[in-house]
Amino acid sequence: MNFTFLTRRLYSSNALLSNVPSSYRVGLPNPVMSTDELQSVIDEKLAKYPYFVERTSFGKGLPVYSEYKHQRARKLTIIRRIYGDLDAFRKDLQVEFPSVKIVKCPVEQQKIVLKGNLVQEVKLFLTDLGF
């Protein structure tokens, strides 16, 4: 069976956008943004906060993930796609979640790792900030 047509159809941008209901796209930036448009969105957010958390490209969700290590004994929350001042974002997280320990904060990878499974709480925090 020839799957090239189906593969091309599934991965074309028009097919992906036609499968996403318009109610999910209301208020979100265009999924196919030029570099100048993306830079303007980042500059707008950086004017309000010294950092910016970019949403994922396909589902437009927040880049907050859970990870389990050591046979699920160690639970971690990973926040990715952080641009700008990573230390300011870390301090805001410490203020919002004072009992949570920040495990690591690698600047070159643009992510923060928190101890514990706080995916829903961090997503709610970022949504309240306007990201």
C-alpha atoms as a PDB file:
ATOM      1  CA  MET A   1       0.000   0.000   0.000  1.00  0.00           C
ATOM      2  CA  ASN A   2       1.271   3.472  -0.855  1.00  0.00           C
ATOM      3  CA  PHE A   3       1.395   5.747   2.212  1.00  0.00           C
ATOM      4  CA  THR A   4       3.165   8.719   0.633  1.00  0.00           C
ATOM      5  CA  PHE A   5      -0.098  10.508  -0.164  1.00  0.00           C
ATOM      6  CA  LEU A   6      -1.387  10.065   3.394  1.00  0.00           C
ATOM      7  CA  THR A   7       1.914  11.157   4.880  1.00  0.00           C
ATOM      8  CA  ARG A   8       2.015  14.255   2.689  1.00  0.00           C
ATOM      9  CA  ARG A   9      -1.611  15.029   3.558  1.00  0.00           C
ATOM     10  CA  LEU A  10      -1.115  14.601   7.304  1.00  0.00           C
ATOM     11  CA  TYR A  11       2.010  16.713   7.521  1.00  0.00           C
ATOM     12  CA  SER A  12       0.981  19.572   5.267  1.00  0.00           C
ATOM     13  CA  SER A  13       0.201  22.755   7.173  1.00  0.00           C
ATOM     14  CA  ASN A  14      -3.261  23.140   5.615  1.00  0.00           C
ATOM     15  CA  ALA A  15      -4.308  19.673   6.723  1.00  0.00           C
ATOM     16  CA  LEU A  16      -3.103  20.297  10.266  1.00  0.00           C
ATOM     17  CA  LEU A  17      -4.931  23.602  10.521  1.00  0.00           C
ATOM     18  CA  SER A  18      -8.137  22.243   9.010  1.00  0.00           C
ATOM     19  CA  ASN A  19      -8.315  19.547  11.712  1.00  0.00           C
ATOM     20  CA  VAL A  20      -7.997  22.071  14.555  1.00  0.00           C
ATOM     21  CA  PRO A  21     -11.341  23.658  15.469  1.00  0.00           C
ATOM     22  CA  SER A  22     -11.438  27.428  15.155  1.00  0.00           C
ATOM     23  CA  SER A  23     -12.502  27.763  18.796  1.00  0.00           C
ATOM     24  CA  TYR A  24      -9.037  26.561  19.836  1.00  0.00           C
ATOM     25  CA  ARG A  25      -7.320  29.153  17.670  1.00  0.00           C
ATOM     26  CA  VAL A  26      -9.186  32.221  18.964  1.00  0.00           C
ATOM     27  CA  GLY A  27      -6.824  34.692  20.590  1.00  0.00           C
ATOM     28  CA  LEU A  28      -3.709  32.732  19.697  1.00  0.00           C
ATOM     29  CA  PRO A  29      -1.067  33.987  17.292  1.00  0.00           C
ATOM     30  CA  ASN A  30      -0.969  32.614  13.760  1.00  0.00           C
ATOM     31  CA  PRO A  31       0.651  29.135  13.887  1.00  0.00           C
ATOM     32  CA  VAL A  32       2.773  30.002  10.864  1.00  0.00           C
ATOM     33  CA  MET A  33       4.421  33.202  12.057  1.00  0.00           C
ATOM     34  CA  SER A  34       7.264  34.966  10.382  1.00  0.00           C
ATOM     35  CA  THR A  35      10.399  35.739  12.349  1.00  0.00           C
ATOM     36  CA  ASP A  36       9.459  39.429  12.578  1.00  0.00           C
ATOM     37  CA  GLU A  37       5.991  38.635  13.952  1.00  0.00           C
ATOM     38  CA  LEU A  38       7.419  36.226  16.516  1.00  0.00           C
ATOM     39  CA  GLN A  39      10.006  38.805  17.572  1.00  0.00           C
ATOM     40  CA  SER A  40       7.286  41.431  18.035  1.00  0.00           C
ATOM     41  CA  VAL A  41       5.283  39.064  20.284  1.00  0.00           C
ATOM     42  CA  ILE A  42       8.403  38.318  22.346  1.00  0.00           C
ATOM     43  CA  ASP A  43       9.261  42.030  22.624  1.00  0.00           C
ATOM     44  CA  GLU A  44       5.711  42.799  23.781  1.00  0.00           C
ATOM     45  CA  LYS A  45       5.909  40.208  26.568  1.00  0.00           C
ATOM     46  CA  LEU A  46       9.459  41.242  27.526  1.00  0.00           C
ATOM     47  CA  ALA A  47       8.196  44.808  28.041  1.00  0.00           C
ATOM     48  CA  LYS A  48       5.875  43.495  30.761  1.00  0.00           C
ATOM     49  CA  TYR A  49       8.144  40.777  32.226  1.00  0.00           C
ATOM     50  CA  PRO A  50      11.923  40.288  31.851  1.00  0.00           C
ATOM     51  CA  TYR A  51      11.250  36.768  30.532  1.00  0.00           C
ATOM     52  CA  PHE A  52       9.018  35.064  27.975  1.00  0.00           C
ATOM     53  CA  VAL A  53       7.684  31.483  27.894  1.00  0.00           C
ATOM     54  CA  GLU A  54       6.951  30.457  24.311  1.00  0.00           C
ATOM     55  CA  ARG A  55       4.054  28.089  23.647  1.00  0.00           C
ATOM     56  CA  THR A  56       4.515  24.865  21.681  1.00  0.00           C
ATOM     57  CA  SER A  57       4.148  25.067  17.919  1.00  0.00           C
ATOM     58  CA  PHE A  58       1.451  22.482  17.210  1.00  0.00           C
ATOM     59  CA  GLY A  59      -0.999  22.397  20.092  1.00  0.00           C
ATOM     60  CA  LYS A  60      -0.231  25.893  21.390  1.00  0.00           C
ATOM     61  CA  GLY A  61       0.148  24.444  24.874  1.00  0.00           C
ATOM     62  CA  LEU A  62       2.503  25.607  27.567  1.00  0.00           C
ATOM     63  CA  PRO A  63       5.867  23.799  27.591  1.00  0.00           C
ATOM     64  CA  VAL A  64       5.510  22.329  31.097  1.00  0.00           C
ATOM     65  CA  TYR A  65       6.201  18.607  31.411  1.00  0.00           C
ATOM     66  CA  SER A  66       6.500  15.977  34.123  1.00  0.00           C
ATOM     67  CA  GLU A  67       9.342  13.498  34.294  1.00  0.00           C
ATOM     68  CA  TYR A  68       9.830  10.496  36.539  1.00  0.00           C
ATOM     69  CA  LYS A  69      13.233   9.105  37.509  1.00  0.00           C
ATOM     70  CA  HIS A  70      14.521   6.251  39.670  1.00  0.00           C
ATOM     71  CA  GLN A  71      11.570   3.913  39.144  1.00  0.00           C
ATOM     72  CA  ARG A  72       9.050   6.745  39.563  1.00  0.00           C
ATOM     73  CA  ALA A  73      10.378   7.587  43.014  1.00  0.00           C
ATOM     74  CA  ARG A  74      11.634  11.029  41.939  1.00  0.00           C
ATOM     75  CA  LYS A  75       9.074  13.313  40.300  1.00  0.00           C
ATOM     76  CA  LEU A  76      10.229  16.393  38.391  1.00  0.00           C
ATOM     77  CA  THR A  77       8.515  19.243  36.577  1.00  0.00           C
ATOM     78  CA  ILE A  78      10.331  20.701  33.567  1.00  0.00           C
ATOM     79  CA  ILE A  79       9.568  24.155  32.157  1.00  0.00           C
ATOM     80  CA  ARG A  80      11.076  24.704  28.702  1.00  0.00           C
ATOM     81  CA  ARG A  81      11.265  27.484  26.096  1.00  0.00           C
ATOM     82  CA  ILE A  82      12.115  30.283  28.520  1.00  0.00           C
ATOM     83  CA  TYR A  83      13.598  33.375  26.870  1.00  0.00           C
ATOM     84  CA  GLY A  84      14.976  36.440  28.585  1.00  0.00           C
ATOM     85  CA  ASP A  85      16.074  36.702  32.204  1.00  0.00           C
ATOM     86  CA  LEU A  86      16.004  33.144  33.564  1.00  0.00           C
ATOM     87  CA  ASP A  87      16.936  34.308  37.082  1.00  0.00           C
ATOM     88  CA  ALA A  88      13.918  36.640  37.264  1.00  0.00           C
ATOM     89  CA  PHE A  89      11.645  33.780  36.238  1.00  0.00           C
ATOM     90  CA  ARG A  90      13.261  31.535  38.854  1.00  0.00           C
ATOM     91  CA  LYS A  91      12.665  34.182  41.542  1.00  0.00           C
ATOM     92  CA  ASP A  92       9.010  34.563  40.514  1.00  0.00           C
ATOM     93  CA  LEU A  93       8.625  30.779  40.780  1.00  0.00           C
ATOM     94  CA  GLN A  94      10.193  30.866  44.251  1.00  0.00           C
ATOM     95  CA  VAL A  95       7.709  33.550  45.328  1.00  0.00           C
ATOM     96  CA  GLU A  96       4.733  31.641  43.906  1.00  0.00           C
ATOM     97  CA  PHE A  97       5.882  28.205  45.154  1.00  0.00           C
ATOM     98  CA  PRO A  98       8.026  28.827  48.267  1.00  0.00           C
ATOM     99  CA  SER A  99       8.149  25.182  49.384  1.00  0.00           C
ATOM    100  CA  VAL A 100       9.298  23.848  46.005  1.00  0.00           C
ATOM    101  CA  LYS A 101      12.987  23.264  45.382  1.00  0.00           C
ATOM    102  CA  ILE A 102      14.484  24.221  42.017  1.00  0.00           C
ATOM    103  CA  VAL A 103      16.716  21.292  41.118  1.00  0.00           C
ATOM    104  CA  LYS A 104      18.613  22.882  38.246  1.00  0.00           C
ATOM    105  CA  CYS A 105      18.429  25.875  35.992  1.00  0.00           C
ATOM    106  CA  PRO A 106      20.698  25.407  32.925  1.00  0.00           C
ATOM    107  CA  VAL A 107      20.815  28.770  31.149  1.00  0.00           C
ATOM    108  CA  GLU A 108      22.069  27.361  27.842  1.00  0.00           C
ATOM    109  CA  GLN A 109      19.106  24.950  27.611  1.00  0.00           C
ATOM    110  CA  GLN A 110      16.456  27.585  28.452  1.00  0.00           C
ATOM    111  CA  LYS A 111      14.686  25.397  30.988  1.00  0.00           C
ATOM    112  CA  ILE A 112      14.034  25.061  34.714  1.00  0.00           C
ATOM    113  CA  VAL A 113      13.609  21.778  36.589  1.00  0.00           C
ATOM    114  CA  LEU A 114      11.462  21.739  39.761  1.00  0.00           C
ATOM    115  CA  LYS A 115      11.212  18.991  42.339  1.00  0.00           C
ATOM    116  CA  GLY A 116       7.735  17.440  42.466  1.00  0.00           C
ATOM    117  CA  ASN A 117       4.888  17.052  40.015  1.00  0.00           C
ATOM    118  CA  LEU A 118       3.545  20.605  39.663  1.00  0.00           C
ATOM    119  CA  VAL A 119       2.525  20.617  36.012  1.00  0.00           C
ATOM    120  CA  GLN A 120      -1.037  21.881  36.528  1.00  0.00           C
ATOM    121  CA  GLU A 121      -0.013  24.477  39.117  1.00  0.00           C
ATOM    122  CA  VAL A 122       2.795  25.892  36.933  1.00  0.00           C
ATOM    123  CA  LYS A 123       0.521  25.991  33.865  1.00  0.00           C
ATOM    124  CA  LEU A 124      -2.080  27.907  35.870  1.00  0.00           C
ATOM    125  CA  PHE A 125       0.627  30.302  37.116  1.00  0.00           C
ATOM    126  CA  LEU A 126       1.891  30.939  33.560  1.00  0.00           C
ATOM    127  CA  THR A 127      -1.652  31.411  32.260  1.00  0.00           C
ATOM    128  CA  ASP A 128      -2.338  33.965  34.993  1.00  0.00           C
ATOM    129  CA  LEU A 129       0.794  35.842  33.905  1.00  0.00           C
ATOM    130  CA  GLY A 130      -0.545  35.970  30.340  1.00  0.00           C
ATOM    131  CA  PHE A 131       1.648  33.423  28.582  1.00  0.00           C
END
